[in-house]
Amino acid sequence: MVEDNPRVTKVVKKRLEVAGYEVITATDGITGLDLARAAKPDLLVLDLMLPGMDGREVCWAIRHDPVHSQLPILMLTVLAQDTDIYRGMVLGANTYLTKPFDSEVLLRRIADLLTQAEAEAAIHKCRSETSPADKRD
């Protein structure tokens, strides 16, 4: 999770941990990007307004990194204008949630993203394991 507001970080982290998720946090974009690359999380919850490197830049960097480009990204931000949501999605966010938010919606979105990521990984694995002879059929 990359969030610069300590109160939001505390609330979201606690809610996710109660739901059984392991949460690592960063308070600025540069640290968040470095942490995402090093820790290889299953999902990234990303604020847009961050010190050092904003969330748009972090999202863009992840989407253009061949090793991490498939990392699911949930943008969680106060920026709620249609143009903000559009830009976030164009940059590569998988979903966008505005603050204040309902924690049940957050949990459902995270569960959906993780399920989708698992399904895509299984499809990719299945395709890569298919022999060339199988592909001709």
N, C-alpha and C. Protein backbone atom coordinates (compact mmCIF):
# COMPACT_ATOMS: atom_id res chain seq x y z
N MET A 1 0.85 -1.17 0.00
CA MET A 1 0.00 0.00 0.00
C MET A 1 0.90 1.23 0.00
N VAL A 2 0.60 2.16 -0.90
CA VAL A 2 1.36 3.41 -0.95
C VAL A 2 0.38 4.54 -0.65
N GLU A 3 0.53 5.12 0.53
CA GLU A 3 -0.38 6.15 1.04
C GLU A 3 0.39 7.06 1.98
N ASP A 4 0.26 8.37 1.78
CA ASP A 4 1.01 9.30 2.62
C ASP A 4 0.24 9.79 3.85
N ASN A 5 -1.04 9.48 3.94
CA ASN A 5 -1.83 9.90 5.09
C ASN A 5 -1.79 8.78 6.15
N PRO A 6 -1.14 9.03 7.29
CA PRO A 6 -1.00 7.97 8.31
C PRO A 6 -2.33 7.42 8.80
N ARG A 7 -3.34 8.26 8.89
CA ARG A 7 -4.66 7.81 9.36
C ARG A 7 -5.28 6.83 8.37
N VAL A 8 -5.23 7.17 7.09
CA VAL A 8 -5.78 6.28 6.06
C VAL A 8 -4.99 4.97 6.03
N THR A 9 -3.67 5.08 6.12
CA THR A 9 -2.83 3.88 6.13
C THR A 9 -3.21 2.96 7.28
N LYS A 10 -3.37 3.53 8.46
CA LYS A 10 -3.71 2.73 9.64
C LYS A 10 -5.05 2.02 9.47
N VAL A 11 -6.06 2.75 8.99
CA VAL A 11 -7.40 2.19 8.82
C VAL A 11 -7.40 1.07 7.77
N VAL A 12 -6.82 1.35 6.62
CA VAL A 12 -6.82 0.36 5.54
C VAL A 12 -5.98 -0.85 5.92
N LYS A 13 -4.80 -0.62 6.48
CA LYS A 13 -3.93 -1.72 6.87
C LYS A 13 -4.64 -2.63 7.87
N LYS A 14 -5.25 -2.05 8.88
CA LYS A 14 -5.94 -2.84 9.89
C LYS A 14 -7.08 -3.65 9.27
N ARG A 15 -7.86 -3.02 8.41
CA ARG A 15 -9.00 -3.71 7.78
C ARG A 15 -8.53 -4.87 6.90
N LEU A 16 -7.45 -4.66 6.17
CA LEU A 16 -6.93 -5.72 5.31
C LEU A 16 -6.31 -6.85 6.12
N GLU A 17 -5.62 -6.51 7.20
CA GLU A 17 -5.03 -7.54 8.04
C GLU A 17 -6.10 -8.38 8.73
N VAL A 18 -7.18 -7.75 9.17
CA VAL A 18 -8.30 -8.49 9.76
C VAL A 18 -8.90 -9.45 8.74
N ALA A 19 -8.88 -9.06 7.48
CA ALA A 19 -9.41 -9.91 6.41
C ALA A 19 -8.42 -11.00 5.99
N GLY A 20 -7.23 -10.99 6.59
CA GLY A 20 -6.27 -12.06 6.31
C GLY A 20 -5.16 -11.70 5.35
N TYR A 21 -5.08 -10.46 4.95
CA TYR A 21 -4.04 -10.04 4.01
C TYR A 21 -2.80 -9.56 4.77
N GLU A 22 -1.65 -9.82 4.20
CA GLU A 22 -0.40 -9.25 4.71
C GLU A 22 -0.21 -7.91 4.00
N VAL A 23 0.10 -6.88 4.76
CA VAL A 23 0.18 -5.53 4.19
C VAL A 23 1.55 -4.93 4.48
N ILE A 24 2.18 -4.42 3.43
CA ILE A 24 3.38 -3.62 3.58
C ILE A 24 3.05 -2.22 3.07
N THR A 25 3.67 -1.22 3.68
CA THR A 25 3.29 0.15 3.35
C THR A 25 4.50 1.01 3.01
N ALA A 26 4.21 2.05 2.25
CA ALA A 26 5.18 3.10 1.93
C ALA A 26 4.42 4.42 1.97
N THR A 27 5.13 5.49 2.30
CA THR A 27 4.48 6.80 2.43
C THR A 27 4.81 7.76 1.30
N ASP A 28 5.59 7.32 0.33
CA ASP A 28 5.88 8.17 -0.83
C ASP A 28 6.02 7.30 -2.07
N GLY A 29 5.92 7.93 -3.21
CA GLY A 29 5.91 7.18 -4.46
C GLY A 29 7.20 6.45 -4.78
N ILE A 30 8.32 7.07 -4.54
CA ILE A 30 9.61 6.44 -4.86
C ILE A 30 9.81 5.18 -4.02
N THR A 31 9.58 5.31 -2.71
CA THR A 31 9.71 4.15 -1.83
C THR A 31 8.68 3.08 -2.20
N GLY A 32 7.46 3.51 -2.52
CA GLY A 32 6.42 2.57 -2.92
C GLY A 32 6.79 1.78 -4.16
N LEU A 33 7.34 2.46 -5.16
CA LEU A 33 7.76 1.78 -6.39
C LEU A 33 8.89 0.80 -6.09
N ASP A 34 9.88 1.24 -5.33
CA ASP A 34 10.99 0.35 -4.97
C ASP A 34 10.49 -0.86 -4.19
N LEU A 35 9.59 -0.64 -3.27
CA LEU A 35 9.03 -1.72 -2.46
C LEU A 35 8.22 -2.69 -3.31
N ALA A 36 7.43 -2.17 -4.23
CA ALA A 36 6.64 -3.03 -5.12
C ALA A 36 7.55 -3.91 -5.97
N ARG A 37 8.63 -3.35 -6.44
CA ARG A 37 9.57 -4.13 -7.25
C ARG A 37 10.31 -5.18 -6.42
N ALA A 38 10.68 -4.82 -5.19
CA ALA A 38 11.47 -5.74 -4.36
C ALA A 38 10.60 -6.81 -3.70
N ALA A 39 9.45 -6.43 -3.18
CA ALA A 39 8.61 -7.36 -2.41
C ALA A 39 7.72 -8.21 -3.29
N LYS A 40 7.49 -7.79 -4.53
CA LYS A 40 6.62 -8.51 -5.46
C LYS A 40 5.27 -8.85 -4.85
N PRO A 41 4.51 -7.82 -4.45
CA PRO A 41 3.20 -8.07 -3.83
C PRO A 41 2.20 -8.64 -4.83
N ASP A 42 1.12 -9.19 -4.32
CA ASP A 42 0.06 -9.71 -5.18
C ASP A 42 -0.81 -8.59 -5.74
N LEU A 43 -0.78 -7.43 -5.08
CA LEU A 43 -1.65 -6.32 -5.46
C LEU A 43 -1.07 -5.04 -4.87
N LEU A 44 -1.33 -3.91 -5.54
CA LEU A 44 -0.87 -2.62 -5.04
C LEU A 44 -2.05 -1.70 -4.86
N VAL A 45 -2.23 -1.20 -3.62
CA VAL A 45 -3.21 -0.15 -3.34
C VAL A 45 -2.41 1.15 -3.40
N LEU A 46 -2.82 2.05 -4.28
CA LEU A 46 -2.00 3.21 -4.62
C LEU A 46 -2.78 4.51 -4.56
N ASP A 47 -2.31 5.44 -3.74
CA ASP A 47 -2.86 6.79 -3.71
C ASP A 47 -2.30 7.55 -4.91
N LEU A 48 -2.98 8.60 -5.33
CA LEU A 48 -2.46 9.40 -6.45
C LEU A 48 -1.59 10.55 -5.98
N MET A 49 -2.02 11.22 -4.92
CA MET A 49 -1.28 12.39 -4.45
C MET A 49 -0.25 11.94 -3.42
N LEU A 50 0.98 11.80 -3.87
CA LEU A 50 2.07 11.30 -3.03
C LEU A 50 3.29 12.21 -3.17
N PRO A 51 4.08 12.31 -2.13
CA PRO A 51 5.33 13.06 -2.24
C PRO A 51 6.38 12.28 -3.04
N GLY A 52 7.29 13.01 -3.62
CA GLY A 52 8.41 12.41 -4.34
C GLY A 52 8.07 12.00 -5.75
N MET A 53 7.17 11.10 -5.90
CA MET A 53 6.69 10.61 -7.19
C MET A 53 5.21 10.34 -6.99
N ASP A 54 4.36 10.97 -7.80
CA ASP A 54 2.93 10.78 -7.56
C ASP A 54 2.47 9.41 -8.05
N GLY A 55 1.25 9.06 -7.68
CA GLY A 55 0.71 7.74 -8.01
C GLY A 55 0.60 7.47 -9.49
N ARG A 56 0.36 8.51 -10.28
CA ARG A 56 0.31 8.33 -11.74
C ARG A 56 1.67 7.86 -12.26
N GLU A 57 2.73 8.47 -11.76
CA GLU A 57 4.08 8.09 -12.19
C GLU A 57 4.42 6.68 -11.72
N VAL A 58 4.02 6.33 -10.52
CA VAL A 58 4.25 4.98 -10.01
C VAL A 58 3.51 3.96 -10.88
N CYS A 59 2.26 4.24 -11.16
CA CYS A 59 1.45 3.34 -11.99
C CYS A 59 2.08 3.18 -13.37
N TRP A 60 2.47 4.29 -13.97
CA TRP A 60 3.09 4.25 -15.31
C TRP A 60 4.37 3.42 -15.27
N ALA A 61 5.21 3.63 -14.25
CA ALA A 61 6.47 2.89 -14.14
C ALA A 61 6.23 1.39 -14.01
N ILE A 62 5.24 1.02 -13.23
CA ILE A 62 4.93 -0.41 -13.07
C ILE A 62 4.42 -1.00 -14.37
N ARG A 63 3.53 -0.30 -15.04
CA ARG A 63 2.97 -0.83 -16.29
C ARG A 63 4.01 -0.94 -17.41
N HIS A 64 5.08 -0.19 -17.32
CA HIS A 64 6.13 -0.23 -18.35
C HIS A 64 7.35 -1.01 -17.91
N ASP A 65 7.23 -1.76 -16.82
CA ASP A 65 8.29 -2.62 -16.32
C ASP A 65 7.91 -4.05 -16.69
N PRO A 66 8.65 -4.69 -17.59
CA PRO A 66 8.25 -6.02 -18.06
C PRO A 66 8.09 -7.06 -16.96
N VAL A 67 8.83 -6.92 -15.87
CA VAL A 67 8.76 -7.89 -14.79
C VAL A 67 7.50 -7.68 -13.94
N HIS A 68 7.07 -6.44 -13.79
CA HIS A 68 5.98 -6.13 -12.86
C HIS A 68 4.72 -5.61 -13.54
N SER A 69 4.68 -5.62 -14.84
CA SER A 69 3.58 -4.97 -15.57
C SER A 69 2.21 -5.57 -15.31
N GLN A 70 2.15 -6.80 -14.84
CA GLN A 70 0.85 -7.45 -14.59
C GLN A 70 0.35 -7.28 -13.16
N LEU A 71 1.10 -6.55 -12.34
CA LEU A 71 0.69 -6.33 -10.95
C LEU A 71 -0.65 -5.61 -10.91
N PRO A 72 -1.66 -6.20 -10.26
CA PRO A 72 -2.95 -5.50 -10.15
C PRO A 72 -2.81 -4.23 -9.31
N ILE A 73 -3.41 -3.15 -9.80
CA ILE A 73 -3.32 -1.86 -9.11
C ILE A 73 -4.72 -1.34 -8.83
N LEU A 74 -4.97 -1.05 -7.54
CA LEU A 74 -6.20 -0.41 -7.11
C LEU A 74 -5.83 1.00 -6.68
N MET A 75 -6.31 1.99 -7.40
CA MET A 75 -6.08 3.38 -7.01
C MET A 75 -7.11 3.76 -5.97
N LEU A 76 -6.63 4.30 -4.85
CA LEU A 76 -7.48 4.72 -3.75
C LEU A 76 -7.12 6.16 -3.45
N THR A 77 -8.02 7.09 -3.80
CA THR A 77 -7.66 8.50 -3.77
C THR A 77 -8.87 9.40 -3.53
N VAL A 78 -8.61 10.64 -3.14
CA VAL A 78 -9.69 11.62 -2.99
C VAL A 78 -10.06 12.23 -4.34
N LEU A 79 -9.22 12.06 -5.34
CA LEU A 79 -9.50 12.65 -6.66
C LEU A 79 -10.65 11.89 -7.31
N ALA A 80 -11.80 12.54 -7.38
CA ALA A 80 -13.02 11.84 -7.78
C ALA A 80 -13.65 12.37 -9.07
N GLN A 81 -12.99 13.31 -9.73
CA GLN A 81 -13.54 13.83 -10.99
C GLN A 81 -13.45 12.75 -12.07
N ASP A 82 -14.36 12.79 -13.02
CA ASP A 82 -14.34 11.83 -14.12
C ASP A 82 -12.99 11.82 -14.83
N THR A 83 -12.39 13.01 -14.99
CA THR A 83 -11.09 13.08 -15.67
C THR A 83 -10.00 12.39 -14.85
N ASP A 84 -10.07 12.48 -13.53
CA ASP A 84 -9.09 11.80 -12.68
C ASP A 84 -9.22 10.29 -12.82
N ILE A 85 -10.45 9.81 -12.78
CA ILE A 85 -10.70 8.38 -12.91
C ILE A 85 -10.26 7.89 -14.29
N TYR A 86 -10.59 8.64 -15.31
CA TYR A 86 -10.19 8.28 -16.68
C TYR A 86 -8.67 8.19 -16.78
N ARG A 87 -7.97 9.21 -16.28
CA ARG A 87 -6.50 9.20 -16.36
C ARG A 87 -5.91 8.02 -15.59
N GLY A 88 -6.47 7.74 -14.44
CA GLY A 88 -5.98 6.60 -13.66
C GLY A 88 -6.13 5.29 -14.40
N MET A 89 -7.26 5.12 -15.04
CA MET A 89 -7.51 3.88 -15.78
C MET A 89 -6.64 3.80 -17.04
N VAL A 90 -6.47 4.92 -17.72
CA VAL A 90 -5.62 4.94 -18.91
C VAL A 90 -4.17 4.61 -18.55
N LEU A 91 -3.72 5.09 -17.40
CA LEU A 91 -2.35 4.80 -16.96
C LEU A 91 -2.15 3.34 -16.58
N GLY A 92 -3.24 2.64 -16.32
CA GLY A 92 -3.10 1.22 -16.06
C GLY A 92 -3.69 0.71 -14.76
N ALA A 93 -4.41 1.55 -14.03
CA ALA A 93 -5.07 1.03 -12.82
C ALA A 93 -6.11 0.00 -13.24
N ASN A 94 -6.23 -1.05 -12.46
CA ASN A 94 -7.25 -2.06 -12.73
C ASN A 94 -8.61 -1.63 -12.21
N THR A 95 -8.59 -0.86 -11.13
CA THR A 95 -9.83 -0.32 -10.58
C THR A 95 -9.49 0.95 -9.80
N TYR A 96 -10.52 1.73 -9.53
CA TYR A 96 -10.35 3.06 -8.94
C TYR A 96 -11.41 3.23 -7.88
N LEU A 97 -11.01 3.60 -6.68
CA LEU A 97 -11.93 3.79 -5.57
C LEU A 97 -11.62 5.13 -4.93
N THR A 98 -12.67 5.90 -4.66
CA THR A 98 -12.45 7.23 -4.10
C THR A 98 -12.68 7.25 -2.59
N LYS A 99 -11.95 8.13 -1.94
CA LYS A 99 -12.09 8.37 -0.50
C LYS A 99 -13.13 9.46 -0.31
N PRO A 100 -13.96 9.37 0.70
CA PRO A 100 -14.06 8.26 1.64
C PRO A 100 -14.62 7.02 0.93
N PHE A 101 -14.32 5.87 1.47
CA PHE A 101 -14.70 4.62 0.83
C PHE A 101 -15.35 3.69 1.85
N ASP A 102 -16.09 2.76 1.34
CA ASP A 102 -16.70 1.71 2.16
C ASP A 102 -15.70 0.56 2.22
N SER A 103 -15.31 0.13 3.41
CA SER A 103 -14.29 -0.91 3.52
C SER A 103 -14.73 -2.24 2.91
N GLU A 104 -16.03 -2.51 2.90
CA GLU A 104 -16.52 -3.74 2.26
C GLU A 104 -16.34 -3.67 0.75
N VAL A 105 -16.52 -2.50 0.18
CA VAL A 105 -16.29 -2.33 -1.27
C VAL A 105 -14.80 -2.52 -1.56
N LEU A 106 -13.95 -1.94 -0.72
CA LEU A 106 -12.51 -2.11 -0.88
C LEU A 106 -12.14 -3.60 -0.86
N LEU A 107 -12.65 -4.32 0.11
CA LEU A 107 -12.34 -5.75 0.21
C LEU A 107 -12.85 -6.54 -0.99
N ARG A 108 -14.04 -6.21 -1.48
CA ARG A 108 -14.57 -6.89 -2.66
C ARG A 108 -13.72 -6.60 -3.89
N ARG A 109 -13.33 -5.36 -4.06
CA ARG A 109 -12.49 -5.00 -5.21
C ARG A 109 -11.16 -5.74 -5.15
N ILE A 110 -10.56 -5.80 -3.97
CA ILE A 110 -9.29 -6.51 -3.83
C ILE A 110 -9.47 -7.99 -4.13
N ALA A 111 -10.49 -8.60 -3.57
CA ALA A 111 -10.75 -10.02 -3.82
C ALA A 111 -10.97 -10.27 -5.31
N ASP A 112 -11.72 -9.40 -5.97
CA ASP A 112 -11.97 -9.56 -7.41
C ASP A 112 -10.67 -9.45 -8.21
N LEU A 113 -9.83 -8.46 -7.87
CA LEU A 113 -8.57 -8.30 -8.58
C LEU A 113 -7.65 -9.50 -8.39
N LEU A 114 -7.59 -10.01 -7.18
CA LEU A 114 -6.74 -11.17 -6.91
C LEU A 114 -7.26 -12.42 -7.63
N THR A 115 -8.57 -12.59 -7.66
CA THR A 115 -9.16 -13.72 -8.38
C THR A 115 -8.86 -13.62 -9.87
N GLN A 116 -9.02 -12.43 -10.41
CA GLN A 116 -8.73 -12.21 -11.83
C GLN A 116 -7.26 -12.46 -12.14
N ALA A 117 -6.37 -11.99 -11.28
CA ALA A 117 -4.93 -12.19 -11.49
C ALA A 117 -4.57 -13.67 -11.45
N GLU A 118 -5.18 -14.41 -10.52
CA GLU A 118 -4.93 -15.85 -10.43
C GLU A 118 -5.40 -16.56 -11.69
N ALA A 119 -6.57 -16.19 -12.19
CA ALA A 119 -7.10 -16.81 -13.40
C ALA A 119 -6.21 -16.51 -14.60
N GLU A 120 -5.75 -15.28 -14.72
CA GLU A 120 -4.86 -14.92 -15.83
C GLU A 120 -3.54 -15.66 -15.74
N ALA A 121 -3.01 -15.82 -14.53
CA ALA A 121 -1.76 -16.57 -14.35
C ALA A 121 -1.95 -18.03 -14.73
N ALA A 122 -3.08 -18.60 -14.37
CA ALA A 122 -3.36 -20.00 -14.71
C ALA A 122 -3.48 -20.17 -16.22
N ILE A 123 -4.13 -19.24 -16.88
CA ILE A 123 -4.26 -19.30 -18.35
C ILE A 123 -2.89 -19.19 -18.99
N HIS A 124 -2.07 -18.25 -18.51
CA HIS A 124 -0.73 -18.07 -19.06
C HIS A 124 0.10 -19.33 -18.87
N LYS A 125 0.01 -19.93 -17.67
CA LYS A 125 0.76 -21.16 -17.40
C LYS A 125 0.30 -22.29 -18.31
N CYS A 126 -0.99 -22.41 -18.48
CA CYS A 126 -1.54 -23.45 -19.33
C CYS A 126 -1.08 -23.28 -20.78
N ARG A 127 -1.09 -22.06 -21.25
CA ARG A 127 -0.64 -21.79 -22.63
C ARG A 127 0.85 -22.08 -22.79
N SER A 128 1.64 -21.75 -21.79
CA SER A 128 3.08 -21.96 -21.91
C SER A 128 3.45 -23.43 -21.79
N GLU A 129 2.59 -24.22 -21.15
CA GLU A 129 2.85 -25.65 -21.00
C GLU A 129 2.33 -26.48 -22.17
N THR A 130 1.55 -25.87 -23.02
CA THR A 130 0.99 -26.59 -24.16
C THR A 130 2.09 -26.83 -25.18
N SER A 131 2.23 -28.06 -25.61
CA SER A 131 3.29 -28.39 -26.58
C SER A 131 2.93 -27.86 -27.96
N PRO A 132 3.92 -27.67 -28.81
CA PRO A 132 3.65 -27.20 -30.19
C PRO A 132 2.70 -28.12 -30.93
N ALA A 133 2.77 -29.44 -30.68
CA ALA A 133 1.86 -30.38 -31.35
C ALA A 133 0.43 -30.13 -30.91
N ASP A 134 0.24 -29.80 -29.62
CA ASP A 134 -1.09 -29.52 -29.11
C ASP A 134 -1.66 -28.27 -29.72
N LYS A 135 -0.81 -27.30 -30.02
CA LYS A 135 -1.27 -26.02 -30.56
C LYS A 135 -1.79 -26.15 -31.99
N ARG A 136 -1.40 -27.22 -32.71
CA ARG A 136 -1.87 -27.40 -34.09
C ARG A 136 -3.30 -27.88 -34.15
N ASP A 137 -3.79 -28.48 -33.09
CA ASP A 137 -5.14 -29.03 -33.12
C ASP A 137 -6.19 -27.96 -33.09
